[in-house]
């Protein structure tokens, strides 16, 4: 009888401790004025382009790398959000054959943005400071072949849920509608997969997946990035439309204590059709994004 009571007590204790350690996870981002989070990143796009005009598949690879610093400004304690300055520097490009198509188009070596970060880790209201994003011919070519022209591929971001979580729980993260890119009100699905240590730092591992259609009007997209420019190739790009689908799978390593992202890796698969009237092409491939926080 005594043995039974001991076993029962041990069972109850095990269940209690399991619930305590696996539940009650509240993800929040600590906001401290003056903090600077620095990252290195690399974006590799590998695409296969096929058109009847070419008669064969043409591989296109573009690599973009650089550094990004996110500086936290004044914190609104009531709203639990802060102004942030985002500075992308040391941008380097390996454009392969796309570089030859772009002629003398200039690619930026740095970019500056302002925005806001809230307690859920989300960076919002991002706007460029003084231009700097690839526009016209350069922006059009990068957009077509996945070269990382989109600024939000160059810094880490996530949105934690308000609710408390257990390992294995999921939540939805909205993707803001972007008529320029033909994206409606889509949603990503996030899952908190595990908790462990990474290089001695206690972390949570979160996976974020998404699947949505794309429908890009290049004329509108290039105009938003500064216009098509004056050369013949840029004019041809502006007449093109891109449709298809995009699947993404992102793993985010989040520091438990502060909620800051210490590493983020994304695999994006695209299947797209380019329609330029006289010229049509199928573009299928992958884009990988790797981002790592640099210790001070």
C-alpha atoms as a PDB file:
ATOM      1  CA  UNK A   1       0.000   0.000   0.000  1.00  0.00           C
ATOM      2  CA  UNK A   2       2.848   2.327   0.892  1.00  0.00           C
ATOM      3  CA  UNK A   3       4.551   1.531  -2.415  1.00  0.00           C
ATOM      4  CA  UNK A   4       1.350   2.394  -4.291  1.00  0.00           C
ATOM      5  CA  UNK A   5       1.121   5.783  -2.543  1.00  0.00           C
ATOM      6  CA  UNK A   6       4.762   6.538  -3.376  1.00  0.00           C
ATOM      7  CA  UNK A   7       4.267   5.648  -7.043  1.00  0.00           C
ATOM      8  CA  UNK A   8       1.074   7.738  -7.208  1.00  0.00           C
ATOM      9  CA  UNK A   9       2.856  10.716  -5.636  1.00  0.00           C
ATOM     10  CA  UNK A  10       5.740  10.366  -8.096  1.00  0.00           C
ATOM     11  CA  UNK A  11       3.284  10.212 -11.009  1.00  0.00           C
ATOM     12  CA  UNK A  12       1.452  13.356  -9.874  1.00  0.00           C
ATOM     13  CA  UNK A  13       4.741  15.194  -9.367  1.00  0.00           C
ATOM     14  CA  UNK A  14       5.912  14.204 -12.844  1.00  0.00           C
ATOM     15  CA  UNK A  15       2.701  15.437 -14.465  1.00  0.00           C
ATOM     16  CA  UNK A  16       2.858  18.681 -12.492  1.00  0.00           C
ATOM     17  CA  UNK A  17       6.492  19.382 -13.390  1.00  0.00           C
ATOM     18  CA  UNK A  18       5.885  18.480 -17.026  1.00  0.00           C
ATOM     19  CA  UNK A  19       3.045  20.988 -17.196  1.00  0.00           C
ATOM     20  CA  UNK A  20       5.145  23.615 -15.442  1.00  0.00           C
ATOM     21  CA  UNK A  21       8.151  23.320 -17.741  1.00  0.00           C
ATOM     22  CA  UNK A  22       6.281  22.831 -20.998  1.00  0.00           C
ATOM     23  CA  UNK A  23       3.480  25.341 -20.498  1.00  0.00           C
ATOM     24  CA  UNK A  24       3.100  28.968 -19.569  1.00  0.00           C
ATOM     25  CA  UNK A  25       5.562  30.271 -22.173  1.00  0.00           C
ATOM     26  CA  UNK A  26       4.969  33.968 -22.776  1.00  0.00           C
ATOM     27  CA  UNK A  27       7.027  35.354 -25.647  1.00  0.00           C
ATOM     28  CA  UNK A  28       7.880  39.041 -25.298  1.00  0.00           C
ATOM     29  CA  UNK A  29      10.596  41.323 -26.658  1.00  0.00           C
ATOM     30  CA  UNK A  30      12.480  43.410 -24.086  1.00  0.00           C
ATOM     31  CA  UNK A  31      12.787  47.014 -25.298  1.00  0.00           C
ATOM     32  CA  UNK A  32      15.689  49.088 -23.943  1.00  0.00           C
ATOM     33  CA  UNK A  33      16.573  52.514 -25.306  1.00  0.00           C
ATOM     34  CA  UNK A  34      20.060  52.569 -26.797  1.00  0.00           C
ATOM     35  CA  UNK A  35      20.308  48.822 -27.478  1.00  0.00           C
ATOM     36  CA  UNK A  36      21.868  47.929 -30.832  1.00  0.00           C
ATOM     37  CA  UNK A  37      21.391  44.462 -32.347  1.00  0.00           C
ATOM     38  CA  UNK A  38      23.832  43.646 -35.146  1.00  0.00           C
ATOM     39  CA  UNK A  39      23.470  40.883 -37.729  1.00  0.00           C
ATOM     40  CA  UNK A  40      25.183  39.546 -40.810  1.00  0.00           C
ATOM     41  CA  UNK A  41      23.057  38.156 -43.624  1.00  0.00           C
ATOM     42  CA  UNK A  42      23.355  36.343 -46.946  1.00  0.00           C
ATOM     43  CA  UNK A  43      20.618  35.917 -49.555  1.00  0.00           C
ATOM     44  CA  UNK A  44      21.150  33.326 -52.300  1.00  0.00           C
ATOM     45  CA  UNK A  45      18.671  33.044 -55.144  1.00  0.00           C
ATOM     46  CA  UNK A  46      18.947  30.106 -57.545  1.00  0.00           C
ATOM     47  CA  UNK A  47      16.444  30.090 -60.414  1.00  0.00           C
ATOM     48  CA  UNK A  48      15.850  28.150 -63.622  1.00  0.00           C
ATOM     49  CA  UNK A  49      14.388  30.220 -66.449  1.00  0.00           C
ATOM     50  CA  UNK A  50      12.764  28.583 -69.469  1.00  0.00           C
ATOM     51  CA  UNK A  51      11.169  30.215 -72.501  1.00  0.00           C
ATOM     52  CA  UNK A  52      10.250  28.958 -75.968  1.00  0.00           C
ATOM     53  CA  UNK A  53      12.362  31.759 -77.384  1.00  0.00           C
ATOM     54  CA  UNK A  54      15.499  30.395 -75.681  1.00  0.00           C
ATOM     55  CA  UNK A  55      14.557  26.751 -76.240  1.00  0.00           C
ATOM     56  CA  UNK A  56      16.384  25.597 -73.111  1.00  0.00           C
ATOM     57  CA  UNK A  57      16.656  26.238 -69.379  1.00  0.00           C
ATOM     58  CA  UNK A  58      18.954  29.031 -68.221  1.00  0.00           C
ATOM     59  CA  UNK A  59      20.256  28.945 -64.606  1.00  0.00           C
ATOM     60  CA  UNK A  60      20.452  32.299 -62.835  1.00  0.00           C
ATOM     61  CA  UNK A  61      22.098  32.806 -59.469  1.00  0.00           C
ATOM     62  CA  UNK A  62      22.234  36.024 -57.442  1.00  0.00           C
ATOM     63  CA  UNK A  63      23.917  36.468 -54.072  1.00  0.00           C
ATOM     64  CA  UNK A  64      23.438  39.467 -51.790  1.00  0.00           C
ATOM     65  CA  UNK A  65      25.234  39.840 -48.465  1.00  0.00           C
ATOM     66  CA  UNK A  66      25.724  42.548 -45.879  1.00  0.00           C
ATOM     67  CA  UNK A  67      25.383  43.718 -42.305  1.00  0.00           C
ATOM     68  CA  UNK A  68      22.438  45.263 -40.480  1.00  0.00           C
ATOM     69  CA  UNK A  69      22.232  47.184 -37.193  1.00  0.00           C
ATOM     70  CA  UNK A  70      18.904  47.792 -35.448  1.00  0.00           C
ATOM     71  CA  UNK A  71      19.075  50.573 -32.858  1.00  0.00           C
ATOM     72  CA  UNK A  72      16.292  50.931 -30.304  1.00  0.00           C
ATOM     73  CA  UNK A  73      15.234  54.515 -29.639  1.00  0.00           C
ATOM     74  CA  UNK A  74      12.848  56.015 -27.111  1.00  0.00           C
ATOM     75  CA  UNK A  75      10.513  53.452 -25.547  1.00  0.00           C
ATOM     76  CA  UNK A  76       6.827  54.218 -25.020  1.00  0.00           C
ATOM     77  CA  UNK A  77       6.269  52.334 -21.758  1.00  0.00           C
ATOM     78  CA  UNK A  78       2.485  52.557 -22.000  1.00  0.00           C
ATOM     79  CA  UNK A  79       2.272  51.125 -25.539  1.00  0.00           C
ATOM     80  CA  UNK A  80       5.350  48.920 -25.030  1.00  0.00           C
ATOM     81  CA  UNK A  81       6.840  49.929 -28.371  1.00  0.00           C
ATOM     82  CA  UNK A  82       9.931  51.841 -29.442  1.00  0.00           C
ATOM     83  CA  UNK A  83      11.252  53.756 -32.411  1.00  0.00           C
ATOM     84  CA  UNK A  84      14.001  51.886 -34.273  1.00  0.00           C
ATOM     85  CA  UNK A  85      16.653  52.869 -36.775  1.00  0.00           C
ATOM     86  CA  UNK A  86      17.737  50.183 -39.233  1.00  0.00           C
ATOM     87  CA  UNK A  87      21.062  50.623 -41.008  1.00  0.00           C
ATOM     88  CA  UNK A  88      22.047  48.122 -43.717  1.00  0.00           C
ATOM     89  CA  UNK A  89      25.732  48.371 -44.685  1.00  0.00           C
ATOM     90  CA  UNK A  90      28.528  46.595 -46.558  1.00  0.00           C
ATOM     91  CA  UNK A  91      26.127  45.397 -49.232  1.00  0.00           C
ATOM     92  CA  UNK A  92      27.831  43.118 -51.734  1.00  0.00           C
ATOM     93  CA  UNK A  93      26.330  41.526 -54.833  1.00  0.00           C
ATOM     94  CA  UNK A  94      27.240  38.661 -57.133  1.00  0.00           C
ATOM     95  CA  UNK A  95      24.751  39.136 -59.960  1.00  0.00           C
ATOM     96  CA  UNK A  96      26.147  36.654 -62.479  1.00  0.00           C
ATOM     97  CA  UNK A  97      24.648  37.056 -65.926  1.00  0.00           C
ATOM     98  CA  UNK A  98      21.929  39.331 -64.554  1.00  0.00           C
ATOM     99  CA  UNK A  99      24.643  41.927 -63.986  1.00  0.00           C
ATOM    100  CA  UNK A 100      25.288  42.003 -67.728  1.00  0.00           C
ATOM    101  CA  UNK A 101      21.589  42.517 -68.457  1.00  0.00           C
ATOM    102  CA  UNK A 102      21.474  45.465 -66.059  1.00  0.00           C
ATOM    103  CA  UNK A 103      24.166  47.433 -67.866  1.00  0.00           C
ATOM    104  CA  UNK A 104      25.255  50.436 -65.844  1.00  0.00           C
ATOM    105  CA  UNK A 105      22.443  50.180 -63.264  1.00  0.00           C
ATOM    106  CA  UNK A 106      23.772  51.138 -59.840  1.00  0.00           C
ATOM    107  CA  UNK A 107      23.185  48.925 -56.813  1.00  0.00           C
ATOM    108  CA  UNK A 108      23.112  50.540 -53.365  1.00  0.00           C
ATOM    109  CA  UNK A 109      25.927  49.847 -50.902  1.00  0.00           C
ATOM    110  CA  UNK A 110      23.908  50.853 -47.854  1.00  0.00           C
ATOM    111  CA  UNK A 111      20.293  51.538 -46.884  1.00  0.00           C
ATOM    112  CA  UNK A 112      18.662  53.318 -43.953  1.00  0.00           C
ATOM    113  CA  UNK A 113      15.172  52.841 -42.570  1.00  0.00           C
ATOM    114  CA  UNK A 114      13.090  53.966 -39.634  1.00  0.00           C
ATOM    115  CA  UNK A 115      10.306  51.995 -38.001  1.00  0.00           C
ATOM    116  CA  UNK A 116       8.790  50.799 -34.758  1.00  0.00           C
ATOM    117  CA  UNK A 117       9.306  47.625 -32.724  1.00  0.00           C
ATOM    118  CA  UNK A 118       6.734  46.409 -30.215  1.00  0.00           C
ATOM    119  CA  UNK A 119       6.765  44.003 -27.279  1.00  0.00           C
ATOM    120  CA  UNK A 120       5.697  41.190 -29.614  1.00  0.00           C
ATOM    121  CA  UNK A 121       8.955  41.510 -31.577  1.00  0.00           C
ATOM    122  CA  UNK A 122       7.220  42.908 -34.646  1.00  0.00           C
ATOM    123  CA  UNK A 123       8.900  45.648 -36.708  1.00  0.00           C
ATOM    124  CA  UNK A 124       6.297  47.903 -38.331  1.00  0.00           C
ATOM    125  CA  UNK A 125       5.966  51.252 -40.111  1.00  0.00           C
ATOM    126  CA  UNK A 126       9.224  50.706 -41.976  1.00  0.00           C
ATOM    127  CA  UNK A 127      10.129  53.540 -44.339  1.00  0.00           C
ATOM    128  CA  UNK A 128      13.311  54.264 -46.280  1.00  0.00           C
ATOM    129  CA  UNK A 129      15.439  57.261 -45.349  1.00  0.00           C
ATOM    130  CA  UNK A 130      16.847  59.108 -48.360  1.00  0.00           C
ATOM    131  CA  UNK A 131      16.140  56.380 -50.908  1.00  0.00           C
ATOM    132  CA  UNK A 132      18.916  53.847 -51.362  1.00  0.00           C
ATOM    133  CA  UNK A 133      16.761  50.892 -52.442  1.00  0.00           C
ATOM    134  CA  UNK A 134      17.425  49.457 -55.897  1.00  0.00           C
ATOM    135  CA  UNK A 135      14.868  50.971 -58.232  1.00  0.00           C
ATOM    136  CA  UNK A 136      14.163  51.091 -61.931  1.00  0.00           C
ATOM    137  CA  UNK A 137      16.128  48.593 -63.987  1.00  0.00           C
ATOM    138  CA  UNK A 138      18.097  47.190 -61.023  1.00  0.00           C
ATOM    139  CA  UNK A 139      15.039  46.776 -58.794  1.00  0.00           C
ATOM    140  CA  UNK A 140      13.059  45.186 -61.618  1.00  0.00           C
ATOM    141  CA  UNK A 141      15.705  42.586 -62.411  1.00  0.00           C
ATOM    142  CA  UNK A 142      16.266  41.756 -58.743  1.00  0.00           C
ATOM    143  CA  UNK A 143      12.517  41.358 -58.182  1.00  0.00           C
ATOM    144  CA  UNK A 144      12.122  39.049 -61.188  1.00  0.00           C
ATOM    145  CA  UNK A 145      14.944  36.732 -60.175  1.00  0.00           C
ATOM    146  CA  UNK A 146      14.702  36.827 -56.370  1.00  0.00           C
ATOM    147  CA  UNK A 147      17.868  38.748 -55.642  1.00  0.00           C
ATOM    148  CA  UNK A 148      16.808  40.189 -52.311  1.00  0.00           C
ATOM    149  CA  UNK A 149      15.758  43.663 -53.376  1.00  0.00           C
ATOM    150  CA  UNK A 150      13.063  43.569 -50.718  1.00  0.00           C
ATOM    151  CA  UNK A 151      14.319  45.391 -47.632  1.00  0.00           C
ATOM    152  CA  UNK A 152      12.443  43.131 -45.204  1.00  0.00           C
ATOM    153  CA  UNK A 153      14.649  40.202 -46.286  1.00  0.00           C
ATOM    154  CA  UNK A 154      17.639  42.063 -44.830  1.00  0.00           C
ATOM    155  CA  UNK A 155      16.606  42.226 -41.162  1.00  0.00           C
ATOM    156  CA  UNK A 156      14.970  39.730 -38.772  1.00  0.00           C
ATOM    157  CA  UNK A 157      11.390  40.084 -37.631  1.00  0.00           C
ATOM    158  CA  UNK A 158       8.615  38.003 -36.090  1.00  0.00           C
ATOM    159  CA  UNK A 159       5.329  38.567 -34.286  1.00  0.00           C
ATOM    160  CA  UNK A 160       4.769  36.802 -30.978  1.00  0.00           C
ATOM    161  CA  UNK A 161       1.199  36.003 -29.880  1.00  0.00           C
ATOM    162  CA  UNK A 162      -0.506  37.637 -26.913  1.00  0.00           C
ATOM    163  CA  UNK A 163      -1.502  34.222 -25.530  1.00  0.00           C
ATOM    164  CA  UNK A 164       0.626  31.921 -23.414  1.00  0.00           C
ATOM    165  CA  UNK A 165       2.015  28.863 -25.185  1.00  0.00           C
ATOM    166  CA  UNK A 166       3.127  25.276 -24.725  1.00  0.00           C
ATOM    167  CA  UNK A 167       5.736  23.539 -26.873  1.00  0.00           C
ATOM    168  CA  UNK A 168       3.967  22.499 -30.090  1.00  0.00           C
ATOM    169  CA  UNK A 169       1.386  25.326 -30.007  1.00  0.00           C
ATOM    170  CA  UNK A 170       0.722  27.410 -33.126  1.00  0.00           C
ATOM    171  CA  UNK A 171      -0.478  30.928 -33.904  1.00  0.00           C
ATOM    172  CA  UNK A 172      -1.118  33.011 -37.008  1.00  0.00           C
ATOM    173  CA  UNK A 173       0.944  35.973 -38.190  1.00  0.00           C
ATOM    174  CA  UNK A 174      -0.770  38.263 -40.705  1.00  0.00           C
ATOM    175  CA  UNK A 175       0.971  39.306 -43.918  1.00  0.00           C
ATOM    176  CA  UNK A 176      -0.082  42.896 -44.732  1.00  0.00           C
ATOM    177  CA  UNK A 177      -1.853  43.297 -48.060  1.00  0.00           C
ATOM    178  CA  UNK A 178       0.427  44.644 -50.798  1.00  0.00           C
ATOM    179  CA  UNK A 179      -1.515  45.502 -53.970  1.00  0.00           C
ATOM    180  CA  UNK A 180       1.743  46.361 -55.762  1.00  0.00           C
ATOM    181  CA  UNK A 181       2.848  42.736 -55.414  1.00  0.00           C
ATOM    182  CA  UNK A 182      -0.628  41.288 -55.796  1.00  0.00           C
ATOM    183  CA  UNK A 183      -0.632  39.935 -52.232  1.00  0.00           C
ATOM    184  CA  UNK A 184      -3.937  40.035 -50.363  1.00  0.00           C
ATOM    185  CA  UNK A 185      -4.508  39.604 -46.645  1.00  0.00           C
ATOM    186  CA  UNK A 186      -2.537  36.399 -46.205  1.00  0.00           C
ATOM    187  CA  UNK A 187      -1.406  34.636 -43.041  1.00  0.00           C
ATOM    188  CA  UNK A 188       1.686  32.745 -41.922  1.00  0.00           C
ATOM    189  CA  UNK A 189       1.531  29.921 -39.363  1.00  0.00           C
ATOM    190  CA  UNK A 190       4.075  29.910 -36.521  1.00  0.00           C
ATOM    191  CA  UNK A 191       4.861  26.908 -34.292  1.00  0.00           C
ATOM    192  CA  UNK A 192       6.992  26.933 -31.141  1.00  0.00           C
ATOM    193  CA  UNK A 193       8.849  23.668 -31.723  1.00  0.00           C
ATOM    194  CA  UNK A 194      11.330  23.313 -28.869  1.00  0.00           C
ATOM    195  CA  UNK A 195      13.410  24.919 -26.162  1.00  0.00           C
ATOM    196  CA  UNK A 196      17.121  24.262 -25.812  1.00  0.00           C
ATOM    197  CA  UNK A 197      20.500  25.952 -25.563  1.00  0.00           C
ATOM    198  CA  UNK A 198      22.402  27.430 -28.499  1.00  0.00           C
ATOM    199  CA  UNK A 199      26.056  28.229 -27.750  1.00  0.00           C
ATOM    200  CA  UNK A 200      25.171  28.320 -24.043  1.00  0.00           C
ATOM    201  CA  UNK A 201      22.173  30.637 -24.545  1.00  0.00           C
ATOM    202  CA  UNK A 202      18.684  29.335 -23.609  1.00  0.00           C
ATOM    203  CA  UNK A 203      16.453  29.718 -26.677  1.00  0.00           C
ATOM    204  CA  UNK A 204      13.111  28.830 -28.191  1.00  0.00           C
ATOM    205  CA  UNK A 205      13.001  27.442 -31.724  1.00  0.00           C
ATOM    206  CA  UNK A 206      10.072  28.745 -33.785  1.00  0.00           C
ATOM    207  CA  UNK A 207       9.091  27.658 -37.298  1.00  0.00           C
ATOM    208  CA  UNK A 208       7.057  29.973 -39.541  1.00  0.00           C
ATOM    209  CA  UNK A 209       5.495  28.691 -42.770  1.00  0.00           C
ATOM    210  CA  UNK A 210       3.496  30.409 -45.498  1.00  0.00           C
ATOM    211  CA  UNK A 211       2.048  29.692 -48.909  1.00  0.00           C
ATOM    212  CA  UNK A 212       0.475  32.373 -51.039  1.00  0.00           C
ATOM    213  CA  UNK A 213      -0.044  33.407 -54.664  1.00  0.00           C
ATOM    214  CA  UNK A 214       1.929  36.181 -56.352  1.00  0.00           C
ATOM    215  CA  UNK A 215       0.634  38.575 -58.977  1.00  0.00           C
ATOM    216  CA  UNK A 216       3.102  41.358 -59.754  1.00  0.00           C
ATOM    217  CA  UNK A 217       2.529  44.213 -62.175  1.00  0.00           C
ATOM    218  CA  UNK A 218       6.114  45.230 -62.939  1.00  0.00           C
ATOM    219  CA  UNK A 219       5.141  48.732 -64.082  1.00  0.00           C
ATOM    220  CA  UNK A 220       3.549  49.485 -60.704  1.00  0.00           C
ATOM    221  CA  UNK A 221       6.331  47.776 -58.786  1.00  0.00           C
ATOM    222  CA  UNK A 222       9.129  49.613 -60.590  1.00  0.00           C
ATOM    223  CA  UNK A 223       7.333  52.936 -60.310  1.00  0.00           C
ATOM    224  CA  UNK A 224       7.081  52.457 -56.552  1.00  0.00           C
ATOM    225  CA  UNK A 225      10.841  51.869 -56.500  1.00  0.00           C
ATOM    226  CA  UNK A 226      11.690  55.027 -58.407  1.00  0.00           C
ATOM    227  CA  UNK A 227      10.549  54.531 -61.986  1.00  0.00           C
ATOM    228  CA  UNK A 228      11.596  52.291 -64.852  1.00  0.00           C
ATOM    229  CA  UNK A 229      14.456  54.426 -66.069  1.00  0.00           C
ATOM    230  CA  UNK A 230      15.184  55.399 -69.641  1.00  0.00           C
ATOM    231  CA  UNK A 231      16.813  52.457 -71.393  1.00  0.00           C
ATOM    232  CA  UNK A 232      15.109  49.937 -73.671  1.00  0.00           C
ATOM    233  CA  UNK A 233      15.532  46.939 -71.351  1.00  0.00           C
ATOM    234  CA  UNK A 234      13.923  48.818 -68.456  1.00  0.00           C
ATOM    235  CA  UNK A 235      10.967  49.642 -70.704  1.00  0.00           C
ATOM    236  CA  UNK A 236      10.550  45.954 -71.573  1.00  0.00           C
ATOM    237  CA  UNK A 237      10.612  45.012 -67.878  1.00  0.00           C
ATOM    238  CA  UNK A 238       7.897  47.535 -67.105  1.00  0.00           C
ATOM    239  CA  UNK A 239       5.560  45.770 -69.561  1.00  0.00           C
ATOM    240  CA  UNK A 240       5.883  42.416 -67.821  1.00  0.00           C
ATOM    241  CA  UNK A 241       3.565  40.727 -65.364  1.00  0.00           C
ATOM    242  CA  UNK A 242       4.551  37.953 -62.947  1.00  0.00           C
ATOM    243  CA  UNK A 243       2.121  35.380 -61.548  1.00  0.00           C
ATOM    244  CA  UNK A 244       2.586  32.194 -59.595  1.00  0.00           C
ATOM    245  CA  UNK A 245       3.018  30.939 -56.057  1.00  0.00           C
ATOM    246  CA  UNK A 246       5.490  31.207 -53.210  1.00  0.00           C
ATOM    247  CA  UNK A 247       6.123  28.797 -50.312  1.00  0.00           C
ATOM    248  CA  UNK A 248       8.360  29.801 -47.417  1.00  0.00           C
ATOM    249  CA  UNK A 249       9.722  27.959 -44.393  1.00  0.00           C
ATOM    250  CA  UNK A 250      11.560  29.989 -41.756  1.00  0.00           C
ATOM    251  CA  UNK A 251      13.261  28.818 -38.565  1.00  0.00           C
ATOM    252  CA  UNK A 252      13.806  31.492 -35.897  1.00  0.00           C
ATOM    253  CA  UNK A 253      16.032  31.084 -32.836  1.00  0.00           C
ATOM    254  CA  UNK A 254      14.752  33.394 -30.073  1.00  0.00           C
ATOM    255  CA  UNK A 255      16.619  34.178 -26.855  1.00  0.00           C
ATOM    256  CA  UNK A 256      14.320  33.201 -23.985  1.00  0.00           C
ATOM    257  CA  UNK A 257      15.250  36.009 -21.611  1.00  0.00           C
ATOM    258  CA  UNK A 258      14.999  38.994 -23.990  1.00  0.00           C
ATOM    259  CA  UNK A 259      12.911  37.743 -26.915  1.00  0.00           C
ATOM    260  CA  UNK A 260      15.550  38.988 -29.371  1.00  0.00           C
ATOM    261  CA  UNK A 261      16.259  36.951 -32.490  1.00  0.00           C
ATOM    262  CA  UNK A 262      19.730  35.423 -32.486  1.00  0.00           C
ATOM    263  CA  UNK A 263      19.461  33.507 -35.754  1.00  0.00           C
ATOM    264  CA  UNK A 264      16.981  33.206 -38.612  1.00  0.00           C
ATOM    265  CA  UNK A 265      17.028  30.992 -41.710  1.00  0.00           C
ATOM    266  CA  UNK A 266      14.483  30.999 -44.536  1.00  0.00           C
ATOM    267  CA  UNK A 267      13.929  28.717 -47.523  1.00  0.00           C
ATOM    268  CA  UNK A 268      11.596  30.183 -50.121  1.00  0.00           C
ATOM    269  CA  UNK A 269      10.364  28.190 -53.123  1.00  0.00           C
ATOM    270  CA  UNK A 270       8.781  29.977 -56.065  1.00  0.00           C
ATOM    271  CA  UNK A 271       6.981  28.919 -59.225  1.00  0.00           C
ATOM    272  CA  UNK A 272       6.324  31.884 -61.469  1.00  0.00           C
ATOM    273  CA  UNK A 273       5.332  32.768 -65.007  1.00  0.00           C
ATOM    274  CA  UNK A 274       6.568  35.958 -66.652  1.00  0.00           C
ATOM    275  CA  UNK A 275       4.326  37.415 -69.341  1.00  0.00           C
ATOM    276  CA  UNK A 276       5.831  40.216 -71.410  1.00  0.00           C
ATOM    277  CA  UNK A 277       3.545  39.961 -74.421  1.00  0.00           C
ATOM    278  CA  UNK A 278       6.067  38.910 -77.078  1.00  0.00           C
ATOM    279  CA  UNK A 279       8.168  37.156 -74.425  1.00  0.00           C
ATOM    280  CA  UNK A 280       6.999  34.620 -71.852  1.00  0.00           C
ATOM    281  CA  UNK A 281       9.036  32.499 -69.454  1.00  0.00           C
ATOM    282  CA  UNK A 282       8.706  30.076 -66.562  1.00  0.00           C
ATOM    283  CA  UNK A 283      10.905  30.882 -63.557  1.00  0.00           C
ATOM    284  CA  UNK A 284      11.190  28.226 -60.846  1.00  0.00           C
ATOM    285  CA  UNK A 285      13.670  28.089 -58.017  1.00  0.00           C
ATOM    286  CA  UNK A 286      14.633  28.761 -54.433  1.00  0.00           C
ATOM    287  CA  UNK A 287      15.866  31.640 -52.315  1.00  0.00           C
ATOM    288  CA  UNK A 288      17.655  31.060 -49.020  1.00  0.00           C
ATOM    289  CA  UNK A 289      18.188  33.741 -46.395  1.00  0.00           C
ATOM    290  CA  UNK A 290      20.612  33.224 -43.506  1.00  0.00           C
ATOM    291  CA  UNK A 291      20.902  35.785 -40.740  1.00  0.00           C
ATOM    292  CA  UNK A 292      23.012  35.591 -37.558  1.00  0.00           C
ATOM    293  CA  UNK A 293      23.261  38.009 -34.645  1.00  0.00           C
ATOM    294  CA  UNK A 294      26.809  39.228 -34.030  1.00  0.00           C
ATOM    295  CA  UNK A 295      27.916  39.261 -30.405  1.00  0.00           C
ATOM    296  CA  UNK A 296      29.233  42.577 -29.085  1.00  0.00           C
END
